[in-house]
PDB file of N, CA and C in Angstrom:
ATOM      1  N   MET A   1      -3.287  40.750   3.296  1.00  0.00           N
ATOM      2  CA  MET A   1      -4.173  39.697   3.762  1.00  0.00           C
ATOM      3  C   MET A   1      -3.564  38.353   3.381  1.00  0.00           C
ATOM      4  N   THR A   2      -3.504  37.438   4.316  1.00  0.00           N
ATOM      5  CA  THR A   2      -2.912  36.128   4.046  1.00  0.00           C
ATOM      6  C   THR A   2      -3.986  35.158   3.579  1.00  0.00           C
ATOM      7  N   ALA A   3      -3.563  34.242   2.724  1.00  0.00           N
ATOM      8  CA  ALA A   3      -4.488  33.217   2.242  1.00  0.00           C
ATOM      9  C   ALA A   3      -4.606  32.121   3.288  1.00  0.00           C
ATOM     10  N   THR A   4      -5.824  31.668   3.511  1.00  0.00           N
ATOM     11  CA  THR A   4      -6.018  30.577   4.460  1.00  0.00           C
ATOM     12  C   THR A   4      -6.049  29.263   3.696  1.00  0.00           C
ATOM     13  N   SER A   5      -5.472  28.243   4.289  1.00  0.00           N
ATOM     14  CA  SER A   5      -5.490  26.943   3.633  1.00  0.00           C
ATOM     15  C   SER A   5      -6.726  26.168   4.077  1.00  0.00           C
ATOM     16  N   HIS A   6      -7.231  25.392   3.172  1.00  0.00           N
ATOM     17  CA  HIS A   6      -8.403  24.575   3.470  1.00  0.00           C
ATOM     18  C   HIS A   6      -7.928  23.210   3.943  1.00  0.00           C
ATOM     19  N   PRO A   7      -8.523  22.677   5.007  1.00  0.00           N
ATOM     20  CA  PRO A   7      -8.063  21.389   5.526  1.00  0.00           C
ATOM     21  C   PRO A   7      -8.481  20.208   4.657  1.00  0.00           C
ATOM     22  N   TYR A   8      -9.341  20.421   3.716  1.00  0.00           N
ATOM     23  CA  TYR A   8      -9.855  19.330   2.902  1.00  0.00           C
ATOM     24  C   TYR A   8      -9.570  19.562   1.428  1.00  0.00           C
ATOM     25  N   GLU A   9      -9.443  18.461   0.702  1.00  0.00           N
ATOM     26  CA  GLU A   9      -9.313  18.509  -0.750  1.00  0.00           C
ATOM     27  C   GLU A   9     -10.701  18.304  -1.358  1.00  0.00           C
ATOM     28  N   ARG A  10     -10.843  18.736  -2.583  1.00  0.00           N
ATOM     29  CA  ARG A  10     -12.123  18.613  -3.263  1.00  0.00           C
ATOM     30  C   ARG A  10     -12.026  17.540  -4.340  1.00  0.00           C
ATOM     31  N   ILE A  11     -13.084  16.754  -4.479  1.00  0.00           N
ATOM     32  CA  ILE A  11     -13.193  15.751  -5.541  1.00  0.00           C
ATOM     33  C   ILE A  11     -14.475  16.043  -6.296  1.00  0.00           C
ATOM     34  N   ASP A  12     -14.366  16.263  -7.586  1.00  0.00           N
ATOM     35  CA  ASP A  12     -15.542  16.512  -8.410  1.00  0.00           C
ATOM     36  C   ASP A  12     -15.893  15.230  -9.159  1.00  0.00           C
ATOM     37  N   LEU A  13     -17.183  14.912  -9.192  1.00  0.00           N
ATOM     38  CA  LEU A  13     -17.655  13.702  -9.866  1.00  0.00           C
ATOM     39  C   LEU A  13     -18.753  14.045 -10.852  1.00  0.00           C
ATOM     40  N   ARG A  14     -18.776  13.307 -11.920  1.00  0.00           N
ATOM     41  CA  ARG A  14     -19.882  13.416 -12.876  1.00  0.00           C
ATOM     42  C   ARG A  14     -20.505  12.038 -13.015  1.00  0.00           C
ATOM     43  N   THR A  15     -21.821  11.992 -13.014  1.00  0.00           N
ATOM     44  CA  THR A  15     -22.520  10.718 -13.126  1.00  0.00           C
ATOM     45  C   THR A  15     -23.886  10.944 -13.755  1.00  0.00           C
ATOM     46  N   SER A  16     -24.530   9.869 -14.084  1.00  0.00           N
ATOM     47  CA  SER A  16     -25.877   9.982 -14.652  1.00  0.00           C
ATOM     48  C   SER A  16     -26.866  10.316 -13.544  1.00  0.00           C
ATOM     49  N   SER A  17     -28.025  10.823 -13.940  1.00  0.00           N
ATOM     50  CA  SER A  17     -29.034  11.183 -12.947  1.00  0.00           C
ATOM     51  C   SER A  17     -29.551   9.938 -12.213  1.00  0.00           C
ATOM     52  N   GLU A  18     -29.566   8.796 -12.891  1.00  0.00           N
ATOM     53  CA  GLU A  18     -30.034   7.565 -12.261  1.00  0.00           C
ATOM     54  C   GLU A  18     -29.083   7.126 -11.141  1.00  0.00           C
ATOM     55  N   ILE A  19     -27.788   7.185 -11.416  1.00  0.00           N
ATOM     56  CA  ILE A  19     -26.814   6.790 -10.401  1.00  0.00           C
ATOM     57  C   ILE A  19     -26.835   7.776  -9.244  1.00  0.00           C
ATOM     58  N   LYS A  20     -26.946   9.066  -9.555  1.00  0.00           N
ATOM     59  CA  LYS A  20     -26.995  10.057  -8.488  1.00  0.00           C
ATOM     60  C   LYS A  20     -28.212   9.825  -7.604  1.00  0.00           C
ATOM     61  N   GLU A  21     -29.356   9.577  -8.214  1.00  0.00           N
ATOM     62  CA  GLU A  21     -30.579   9.344  -7.448  1.00  0.00           C
ATOM     63  C   GLU A  21     -30.416   8.122  -6.543  1.00  0.00           C
ATOM     64  N   LEU A  22     -29.822   7.071  -7.057  1.00  0.00           N
ATOM     65  CA  LEU A  22     -29.594   5.855  -6.276  1.00  0.00           C
ATOM     66  C   LEU A  22     -28.705   6.147  -5.067  1.00  0.00           C
ATOM     67  N   ILE A  23     -27.619   6.893  -5.295  1.00  0.00           N
ATOM     68  CA  ILE A  23     -26.686   7.205  -4.212  1.00  0.00           C
ATOM     69  C   ILE A  23     -27.334   8.142  -3.184  1.00  0.00           C
ATOM     70  N   VAL A  24     -28.085   9.119  -3.658  1.00  0.00           N
ATOM     71  CA  VAL A  24     -28.772  10.048  -2.750  1.00  0.00           C
ATOM     72  C   VAL A  24     -29.773   9.285  -1.880  1.00  0.00           C
ATOM     73  N   ARG A  25     -30.507   8.366  -2.471  1.00  0.00           N
ATOM     74  CA  ARG A  25     -31.477   7.562  -1.709  1.00  0.00           C
ATOM     75  C   ARG A  25     -30.768   6.715  -0.658  1.00  0.00           C
ATOM     76  N   ALA A  26     -29.645   6.104  -1.038  1.00  0.00           N
ATOM     77  CA  ALA A  26     -28.905   5.267  -0.090  1.00  0.00           C
ATOM     78  C   ALA A  26     -28.357   6.113   1.055  1.00  0.00           C
ATOM     79  N   ALA A  27     -27.830   7.288   0.735  1.00  0.00           N
ATOM     80  CA  ALA A  27     -27.301   8.180   1.776  1.00  0.00           C
ATOM     81  C   ALA A  27     -28.417   8.611   2.717  1.00  0.00           C
ATOM     82  N   SER A  28     -29.544   8.938   2.155  1.00  0.00           N
ATOM     83  CA  SER A  28     -30.690   9.355   2.965  1.00  0.00           C
ATOM     84  C   SER A  28     -31.160   8.222   3.872  1.00  0.00           C
ATOM     85  N   THR A  29     -31.211   7.022   3.320  1.00  0.00           N
ATOM     86  CA  THR A  29     -31.618   5.856   4.108  1.00  0.00           C
ATOM     87  C   THR A  29     -30.634   5.602   5.245  1.00  0.00           C
ATOM     88  N   ALA A  30     -29.347   5.828   4.986  1.00  0.00           N
ATOM     89  CA  ALA A  30     -28.310   5.637   6.013  1.00  0.00           C
ATOM     90  C   ALA A  30     -28.299   6.795   6.999  1.00  0.00           C
ATOM     91  N   GLY A  31     -28.999   7.881   6.681  1.00  0.00           N
ATOM     92  CA  GLY A  31     -29.069   9.026   7.575  1.00  0.00           C
ATOM     93  C   GLY A  31     -27.820   9.890   7.577  1.00  0.00           C
ATOM     94  N   VAL A  32     -27.117   9.919   6.453  1.00  0.00           N
ATOM     95  CA  VAL A  32     -25.906  10.736   6.343  1.00  0.00           C
ATOM     96  C   VAL A  32     -25.994  11.596   5.092  1.00  0.00           C
ATOM     97  N   SER A  33     -25.131  12.587   5.027  1.00  0.00           N
ATOM     98  CA  SER A  33     -25.114  13.450   3.849  1.00  0.00           C
ATOM     99  C   SER A  33     -24.553  12.678   2.655  1.00  0.00           C
ATOM    100  N   LEU A  34     -24.801  13.207   1.491  1.00  0.00           N
ATOM    101  CA  LEU A  34     -24.288  12.594   0.265  1.00  0.00           C
ATOM    102  C   LEU A  34     -22.767  12.534   0.308  1.00  0.00           C
ATOM    103  N   SER A  35     -22.139  13.616   0.724  1.00  0.00           N
ATOM    104  CA  SER A  35     -20.679  13.651   0.797  1.00  0.00           C
ATOM    105  C   SER A  35     -20.149  12.612   1.777  1.00  0.00           C
ATOM    106  N   ALA A  36     -20.743  12.547   2.962  1.00  0.00           N
ATOM    107  CA  ALA A  36     -20.293  11.586   3.973  1.00  0.00           C
ATOM    108  C   ALA A  36     -20.467  10.162   3.475  1.00  0.00           C
ATOM    109  N   PHE A  37     -21.571   9.902   2.784  1.00  0.00           N
ATOM    110  CA  PHE A  37     -21.828   8.570   2.248  1.00  0.00           C
ATOM    111  C   PHE A  37     -20.786   8.196   1.206  1.00  0.00           C
ATOM    112  N   LEU A  38     -20.527   9.102   0.268  1.00  0.00           N
ATOM    113  CA  LEU A  38     -19.550   8.816  -0.787  1.00  0.00           C
ATOM    114  C   LEU A  38     -18.154   8.611  -0.218  1.00  0.00           C
ATOM    115  N   ILE A  39     -17.758   9.453   0.722  1.00  0.00           N
ATOM    116  CA  ILE A  39     -16.434   9.331   1.330  1.00  0.00           C
ATOM    117  C   ILE A  39     -16.309   8.006   2.073  1.00  0.00           C
ATOM    118  N   ALA A  40     -17.321   7.656   2.871  1.00  0.00           N
ATOM    119  CA  ALA A  40     -17.266   6.408   3.645  1.00  0.00           C
ATOM    120  C   ALA A  40     -17.185   5.190   2.728  1.00  0.00           C
ATOM    121  N   CYS A  41     -17.996   5.184   1.677  1.00  0.00           N
ATOM    122  CA  CYS A  41     -17.991   4.047   0.751  1.00  0.00           C
ATOM    123  C   CYS A  41     -16.668   3.960  -0.013  1.00  0.00           C
ATOM    124  N   ALA A  42     -16.188   5.093  -0.486  1.00  0.00           N
ATOM    125  CA  ALA A  42     -14.924   5.102  -1.232  1.00  0.00           C
ATOM    126  C   ALA A  42     -13.767   4.697  -0.333  1.00  0.00           C
ATOM    127  N   GLN A  43     -13.766   5.178   0.898  1.00  0.00           N
ATOM    128  CA  GLN A  43     -12.693   4.854   1.839  1.00  0.00           C
ATOM    129  C   GLN A  43     -12.695   3.359   2.148  1.00  0.00           C
ATOM    130  N   GLU A  44     -13.851   2.796   2.408  1.00  0.00           N
ATOM    131  CA  GLU A  44     -13.940   1.370   2.725  1.00  0.00           C
ATOM    132  C   GLU A  44     -13.470   0.521   1.548  1.00  0.00           C
ATOM    133  N   ARG A  45     -13.898   0.880   0.340  1.00  0.00           N
ATOM    134  CA  ARG A  45     -13.488   0.107  -0.847  1.00  0.00           C
ATOM    135  C   ARG A  45     -11.998   0.261  -1.101  1.00  0.00           C
ATOM    136  N   ALA A  46     -11.467   1.451  -0.896  1.00  0.00           N
ATOM    137  CA  ALA A  46     -10.028   1.669  -1.074  1.00  0.00           C
ATOM    138  C   ALA A  46      -9.235   0.801  -0.107  1.00  0.00           C
ATOM    139  N   LYS A  47      -9.682   0.710   1.138  1.00  0.00           N
ATOM    140  CA  LYS A  47      -9.010  -0.133   2.128  1.00  0.00           C
ATOM    141  C   LYS A  47      -9.044  -1.601   1.709  1.00  0.00           C
ATOM    142  N   GLN A  48     -10.187  -2.058   1.188  1.00  0.00           N
ATOM    143  CA  GLN A  48     -10.313  -3.445   0.741  1.00  0.00           C
ATOM    144  C   GLN A  48      -9.336  -3.736  -0.405  1.00  0.00           C
ATOM    145  N   ILE A  49      -9.308  -2.849  -1.379  1.00  0.00           N
ATOM    146  CA  ILE A  49      -8.443  -3.053  -2.538  1.00  0.00           C
ATOM    147  C   ILE A  49      -6.980  -3.075  -2.117  1.00  0.00           C
ATOM    148  N   LEU A  50      -6.573  -2.139  -1.270  1.00  0.00           N
ATOM    149  CA  LEU A  50      -5.185  -2.095  -0.830  1.00  0.00           C
ATOM    150  C   LEU A  50      -4.831  -3.301   0.034  1.00  0.00           C
ATOM    151  N   ALA A  51      -5.751  -3.742   0.886  1.00  0.00           N
ATOM    152  CA  ALA A  51      -5.487  -4.926   1.714  1.00  0.00           C
ATOM    153  C   ALA A  51      -5.289  -6.154   0.836  1.00  0.00           C
ATOM    154  N   GLU A  52      -6.104  -6.283  -0.206  1.00  0.00           N
ATOM    155  CA  GLU A  52      -5.968  -7.420  -1.118  1.00  0.00           C
ATOM    156  C   GLU A  52      -4.649  -7.383  -1.879  1.00  0.00           C
ATOM    157  N   SER A  53      -4.228  -6.189  -2.273  1.00  0.00           N
ATOM    158  CA  SER A  53      -3.004  -6.093  -3.066  1.00  0.00           C
ATOM    159  C   SER A  53      -1.741  -6.152  -2.212  1.00  0.00           C
ATOM    160  N   GLU A  54      -1.858  -5.868  -0.917  1.00  0.00           N
ATOM    161  CA  GLU A  54      -0.692  -5.833  -0.042  1.00  0.00           C
ATOM    162  C   GLU A  54      -0.597  -7.058   0.869  1.00  0.00           C
ATOM    163  N   THR A  55      -1.507  -8.012   0.699  1.00  0.00           N
ATOM    164  CA  THR A  55      -1.517  -9.212   1.522  1.00  0.00           C
ATOM    165  C   THR A  55      -1.111 -10.401   0.666  1.00  0.00           C
ATOM    166  N   LEU A  56      -0.218 -11.190   1.200  1.00  0.00           N
ATOM    167  CA  LEU A  56       0.242 -12.378   0.503  1.00  0.00           C
ATOM    168  C   LEU A  56      -0.452 -13.585   1.109  1.00  0.00           C
ATOM    169  N   THR A  57      -1.204 -14.299   0.291  1.00  0.00           N
ATOM    170  CA  THR A  57      -1.903 -15.490   0.745  1.00  0.00           C
ATOM    171  C   THR A  57      -1.299 -16.689   0.034  1.00  0.00           C
ATOM    172  N   LEU A  58      -0.820 -17.637   0.809  1.00  0.00           N
ATOM    173  CA  LEU A  58      -0.165 -18.809   0.241  1.00  0.00           C
ATOM    174  C   LEU A  58      -0.913 -20.079   0.616  1.00  0.00           C
ATOM    175  N   SER A  59      -0.876 -21.043  -0.292  1.00  0.00           N
ATOM    176  CA  SER A  59      -1.427 -22.361   0.007  1.00  0.00           C
ATOM    177  C   SER A  59      -0.464 -23.073   0.959  1.00  0.00           C
ATOM    178  N   PRO A  60      -0.901 -24.136   1.612  1.00  0.00           N
ATOM    179  CA  PRO A  60       0.020 -24.869   2.486  1.00  0.00           C
ATOM    180  C   PRO A  60       1.287 -25.333   1.750  1.00  0.00           C
ATOM    181  N   ARG A  61       1.136 -25.762   0.504  1.00  0.00           N
ATOM    182  CA  ARG A  61       2.302 -26.186  -0.287  1.00  0.00           C
ATOM    183  C   ARG A  61       3.257 -25.016  -0.526  1.00  0.00           C
ATOM    184  N   ASP A  62       2.688 -23.829  -0.836  1.00  0.00           N
ATOM    185  CA  ASP A  62       3.517 -22.647  -1.062  1.00  0.00           C
ATOM    186  C   ASP A  62       4.199 -22.186   0.227  1.00  0.00           C
ATOM    187  N   TRP A  63       3.500 -22.293   1.374  1.00  0.00           N
ATOM    188  CA  TRP A  63       4.121 -21.957   2.658  1.00  0.00           C
ATOM    189  C   TRP A  63       5.330 -22.843   2.908  1.00  0.00           C
ATOM    190  N   ASP A  64       5.166 -24.151   2.636  1.00  0.00           N
ATOM    191  CA  ASP A  64       6.282 -25.079   2.828  1.00  0.00           C
ATOM    192  C   ASP A  64       7.468 -24.685   1.952  1.00  0.00           C
ATOM    193  N   ALA A  65       7.203 -24.340   0.700  1.00  0.00           N
ATOM    194  CA  ALA A  65       8.278 -23.928  -0.204  1.00  0.00           C
ATOM    195  C   ALA A  65       8.932 -22.642   0.287  1.00  0.00           C
ATOM    196  N   PHE A  66       8.134 -21.722   0.786  1.00  0.00           N
ATOM    197  CA  PHE A  66       8.653 -20.454   1.294  1.00  0.00           C
ATOM    198  C   PHE A  66       9.573 -20.684   2.491  1.00  0.00           C
ATOM    199  N   PHE A  67       9.104 -21.495   3.450  1.00  0.00           N
ATOM    200  CA  PHE A  67       9.927 -21.761   4.632  1.00  0.00           C
ATOM    201  C   PHE A  67      11.167 -22.579   4.292  1.00  0.00           C
ATOM    202  N   THR A  68      11.062 -23.472   3.330  1.00  0.00           N
ATOM    203  CA  THR A  68      12.236 -24.227   2.886  1.00  0.00           C
ATOM    204  C   THR A  68      13.268 -23.274   2.299  1.00  0.00           C
ATOM    205  N   ALA A  69      12.810 -22.319   1.510  1.00  0.00           N
ATOM    206  CA  ALA A  69      13.729 -21.334   0.927  1.00  0.00           C
ATOM    207  C   ALA A  69      14.392 -20.500   2.025  1.00  0.00           C
ATOM    208  N   LEU A  70      13.628 -20.125   3.047  1.00  0.00           N
ATOM    209  CA  LEU A  70      14.208 -19.373   4.164  1.00  0.00           C
ATOM    210  C   LEU A  70      15.237 -20.215   4.918  1.00  0.00           C
ATOM    211  N   ASP A  71      14.939 -21.488   5.083  1.00  0.00           N
ATOM    212  CA  ASP A  71      15.863 -22.371   5.797  1.00  0.00           C
ATOM    213  C   ASP A  71      17.165 -22.579   5.030  1.00  0.00           C
ATOM    214  N   ASN A  72      17.140 -22.399   3.729  1.00  0.00           N
ATOM    215  CA  ASN A  72      18.324 -22.635   2.910  1.00  0.00           C
ATOM    216  C   ASN A  72      19.087 -21.354   2.582  1.00  0.00           C
ATOM    217  N   THR A  73      18.893 -20.326   3.372  1.00  0.00           N
ATOM    218  CA  THR A  73      19.579 -19.061   3.089  1.00  0.00           C
ATOM    219  C   THR A  73      21.026 -19.066   3.536  1.00  0.00           C
ATOM    220  N   ASP A  74      21.450 -20.109   4.282  1.00  0.00           N
ATOM    221  CA  ASP A  74      22.823 -20.158   4.779  1.00  0.00           C
ATOM    222  C   ASP A  74      23.802 -20.762   3.771  1.00  0.00           C
ATOM    223  N   LYS A  75      23.354 -21.017   2.554  1.00  0.00           N
ATOM    224  CA  LYS A  75      24.249 -21.543   1.531  1.00  0.00           C
ATOM    225  C   LYS A  75      25.341 -20.522   1.237  1.00  0.00           C
ATOM    226  N   PRO A  76      26.546 -21.004   0.938  1.00  0.00           N
ATOM    227  CA  PRO A  76      27.621 -20.069   0.578  1.00  0.00           C
ATOM    228  C   PRO A  76      27.260 -19.280  -0.676  1.00  0.00           C
ATOM    229  N   ARG A  77      27.571 -18.021  -0.663  1.00  0.00           N
ATOM    230  CA  ARG A  77      27.330 -17.144  -1.811  1.00  0.00           C
ATOM    231  C   ARG A  77      28.662 -16.462  -2.134  1.00  0.00           C
ATOM    232  N   PRO A  78      29.522 -17.117  -2.932  1.00  0.00           N
ATOM    233  CA  PRO A  78      30.875 -16.591  -3.170  1.00  0.00           C
ATOM    234  C   PRO A  78      30.898 -15.181  -3.756  1.00  0.00           C
ATOM    235  N   LYS A  79      30.032 -14.889  -4.702  1.00  0.00           N
ATOM    236  CA  LYS A  79      30.035 -13.545  -5.311  1.00  0.00           C
ATOM    237  C   LYS A  79      29.621 -12.484  -4.287  1.00  0.00           C
ATOM    238  N   LEU A  80      28.627 -12.814  -3.476  1.00  0.00           N
ATOM    239  CA  LEU A  80      28.194 -11.874  -2.446  1.00  0.00           C
ATOM    240  C   LEU A  80      29.309 -11.660  -1.423  1.00  0.00           C
ATOM    241  N   GLN A  81      29.978 -12.744  -1.039  1.00  0.00           N
ATOM    242  CA  GLN A  81      31.079 -12.622  -0.079  1.00  0.00           C
ATOM    243  C   GLN A  81      32.213 -11.790  -0.658  1.00  0.00           C
ATOM    244  N   ALA A  82      32.532 -12.008  -1.933  1.00  0.00           N
ATOM    245  CA  ALA A  82      33.602 -11.242  -2.577  1.00  0.00           C
ATOM    246  C   ALA A  82      33.238  -9.765  -2.632  1.00  0.00           C
ATOM    247  N   SER A  83      31.988  -9.458  -2.935  1.00  0.00           N
ATOM    248  CA  SER A  83      31.550  -8.063  -2.986  1.00  0.00           C
ATOM    249  C   SER A  83      31.621  -7.420  -1.608  1.00  0.00           C
ATOM    250  N   ALA A  84      31.204  -8.146  -0.591  1.00  0.00           N
ATOM    251  CA  ALA A  84      31.245  -7.606   0.772  1.00  0.00           C
ATOM    252  C   ALA A  84      32.684  -7.349   1.206  1.00  0.00           C
ATOM    253  N   THR A  85      33.579  -8.282   0.894  1.00  0.00           N
ATOM    254  CA  THR A  85      34.997  -8.118   1.237  1.00  0.00           C
ATOM    255  C   THR A  85      35.589  -6.913   0.523  1.00  0.00           C
ATOM    256  N   GLU A  86      35.267  -6.789  -0.766  1.00  0.00           N
ATOM    257  CA  GLU A  86      35.765  -5.654  -1.555  1.00  0.00           C
ATOM    258  C   GLU A  86      35.268  -4.334  -0.977  1.00  0.00           C
ATOM    259  N   TYR A  87      33.998  -4.296  -0.596  1.00  0.00           N
ATOM    260  CA  TYR A  87      33.441  -3.078  -0.014  1.00  0.00           C
ATOM    261  C   TYR A  87      34.135  -2.728   1.294  1.00  0.00           C
ATOM    262  N   LEU A  88      34.324  -3.724   2.152  1.00  0.00           N
ATOM    263  CA  LEU A  88      34.983  -3.456   3.436  1.00  0.00           C
ATOM    264  C   LEU A  88      36.409  -2.954   3.241  1.00  0.00           C
ATOM    265  N   GLU A  89      37.127  -3.528   2.282  1.00  0.00           N
ATOM    266  CA  GLU A  89      38.485  -3.061   1.988  1.00  0.00           C
ATOM    267  C   GLU A  89      38.455  -1.615   1.501  1.00  0.00           C
ATOM    268  N   TRP A  90      37.494  -1.297   0.634  1.00  0.00           N
ATOM    269  CA  TRP A  90      37.367   0.075   0.119  1.00  0.00           C
ATOM    270  C   TRP A  90      37.049   1.036   1.265  1.00  0.00           C
ATOM    271  N   ARG A  91      36.106   0.634   2.116  1.00  0.00           N
ATOM    272  CA  ARG A  91      35.715   1.496   3.242  1.00  0.00           C
ATOM    273  C   ARG A  91      36.883   1.717   4.209  1.00  0.00           C
ATOM    274  N   ASN A  92      37.622   0.678   4.467  1.00  0.00           N
ATOM    275  CA  ASN A  92      38.789   0.825   5.336  1.00  0.00           C
ATOM    276  C   ASN A  92      39.825   1.755   4.729  1.00  0.00           C
ATOM    277  N   SER A  93      39.971   1.704   3.411  1.00  0.00           N
ATOM    278  CA  SER A  93      40.933   2.602   2.745  1.00  0.00           C
ATOM    279  C   SER A  93      40.431   4.053   2.817  1.00  0.00           C
ATOM    280  N   GLN A  94      39.141   4.246   2.800  1.00  0.00           N
ATOM    281  CA  GLN A  94      38.569   5.586   2.914  1.00  0.00           C
ATOM    282  C   GLN A  94      38.754   6.133   4.334  1.00  0.00           C
ATOM    283  N   ASP A  95      38.577   5.260   5.314  1.00  0.00           N
ATOM    284  CA  ASP A  95      38.735   5.663   6.708  1.00  0.00           C
ATOM    285  C   ASP A  95      40.184   6.015   7.035  1.00  0.00           C
ATOM    286  N   ALA A  96      41.123   5.365   6.325  1.00  0.00           N
ATOM    287  CA  ALA A  96      42.554   5.593   6.586  1.00  0.00           C
ATOM    288  C   ALA A  96      43.024   6.931   6.072  1.00  0.00           C
ATOM    289  N   ARG A  97      42.283   7.536   5.213  1.00  0.00           N
ATOM    290  CA  ARG A  97      42.707   8.828   4.618  1.00  0.00           C
ATOM    291  C   ARG A  97      42.673   9.943   5.604  1.00  0.00           C
TER     292      ARG A  97
END
């Protein structure tokens, strides 16, 4: 007999009876099951937290500094150029083998 895989993961929670009662009442008022309510709320909050941590918000002054830095990327970088040249020479020597 083969084992069947479950499409869902399980999350176990422990809470006080007061918090559980509050959540059960809210789920009932929303007309959804306790599980559906908890998943929807947790998912929405997770999205908010990740959006806040993955979004860069700059003031107008910071935007100007950012764009100025981007505009100045064409400055000569001797060490970077030397490394790139060295790499290309090494790669060409590898290809010649």
